[in-house]
Amino acid sequence: MKYEDLKILDELREKGSITEEEYQREKEKVLKSEGNVFSKAGRRPLFGLTENTYLMLMHLSQLSGLIVPLAGFIV
């Protein structure tokens, strides 16, 4: 995804649609942007789950502890 965005930016710059300044600014945004906290820290998502899925499972495990004692800890 990141490489595709850089390629598009490069093509726009070559066509003259964007200036060199705009190209550099957007390139920095693309290189810095990752939609995941795990990847910002340089780690891979746990068990291949996205951050949102992982956090949802954590919350559901705590909720299950209210329904069945010790279930949240086991989950």
Protein backbone atom coordinates (compact mmCIF):
# COMPACT_ATOMS: atom_id res chain seq x y z
CA MET A 1 0.00 0.00 0.00
CA LYS A 2 2.76 2.41 0.97
CA TYR A 3 4.72 1.70 -2.21
CA GLU A 4 1.65 2.19 -4.38
CA ASP A 5 1.04 5.59 -2.79
CA LEU A 6 4.67 6.60 -3.37
CA LYS A 7 4.44 5.50 -6.99
CA ILE A 8 1.30 7.59 -7.53
CA LEU A 9 2.96 10.60 -5.90
CA ASP A 10 6.01 10.18 -8.11
CA GLU A 11 3.84 10.01 -11.23
CA LEU A 12 1.97 13.17 -10.19
CA ARG A 13 5.26 14.97 -9.65
CA GLU A 14 6.61 13.87 -13.04
CA LYS A 15 3.42 15.07 -14.77
CA GLY A 16 3.71 18.43 -13.03
CA SER A 17 0.43 18.02 -11.15
CA ILE A 18 2.16 18.65 -7.82
CA THR A 19 5.25 20.65 -6.92
CA GLU A 20 8.42 19.24 -5.41
CA GLU A 21 7.42 20.71 -2.03
CA GLU A 22 4.03 19.04 -2.14
CA TYR A 23 5.68 15.79 -3.20
CA GLN A 24 8.12 15.84 -0.27
CA ARG A 25 5.39 16.77 2.24
CA GLU A 26 3.05 14.00 1.08
CA LYS A 27 5.90 11.51 0.87
CA GLU A 28 6.71 12.15 4.55
CA LYS A 29 3.05 11.64 5.45
CA VAL A 30 2.93 8.33 3.57
CA LEU A 31 6.15 7.08 5.13
CA LYS A 32 5.09 8.05 8.65
CA SER A 33 1.47 6.96 8.41
CA GLU A 34 0.52 3.51 9.52
CA GLY A 35 -2.99 2.75 10.66
CA ASN A 36 -1.85 0.54 13.45
CA VAL A 37 -0.23 1.28 16.82
CA PHE A 38 1.59 -2.05 16.74
CA SER A 39 3.41 -1.19 13.53
CA LYS A 40 4.31 2.30 14.81
CA ALA A 41 6.17 0.64 17.65
CA GLY A 42 7.97 -1.58 15.15
CA ARG A 43 6.11 -4.73 16.21
CA ARG A 44 3.79 -7.00 14.31
CA PRO A 45 0.16 -7.34 15.44
CA LEU A 46 -0.37 -10.09 17.99
CA PHE A 47 -1.64 -13.31 16.37
CA GLY A 48 -2.16 -11.44 13.09
CA LEU A 49 -5.07 -9.43 14.54
CA THR A 50 -5.57 -5.77 13.90
CA GLU A 51 -5.40 -3.45 16.88
CA ASN A 52 -9.17 -2.88 16.92
CA THR A 53 -9.93 -6.61 16.88
CA TYR A 54 -7.41 -7.31 19.62
CA LEU A 55 -8.84 -4.55 21.83
CA MET A 56 -12.40 -5.75 21.21
CA LEU A 57 -11.45 -9.26 22.34
CA MET A 58 -9.81 -7.85 25.46
CA HIS A 59 -12.99 -5.98 26.36
CA LEU A 60 -15.21 -8.99 25.67
CA SER A 61 -13.04 -11.16 27.89
CA GLN A 62 -13.52 -8.70 30.75
CA LEU A 63 -17.28 -8.63 30.12
CA SER A 64 -17.42 -12.43 30.21
CA GLY A 65 -15.84 -12.25 33.67
CA LEU A 66 -18.91 -10.37 34.89
CA ILE A 67 -21.23 -13.05 33.56
CA VAL A 68 -19.24 -16.15 34.58
CA PRO A 69 -16.66 -15.72 37.35
CA LEU A 70 -13.07 -16.37 36.21
CA ALA A 71 -14.18 -16.61 32.56
CA GLY A 72 -12.46 -13.31 31.72
CA PHE A 73 -9.20 -14.56 33.15
CA ILE A 74 -9.42 -17.86 31.27
CA VAL A 75 -10.35 -16.20 27.97
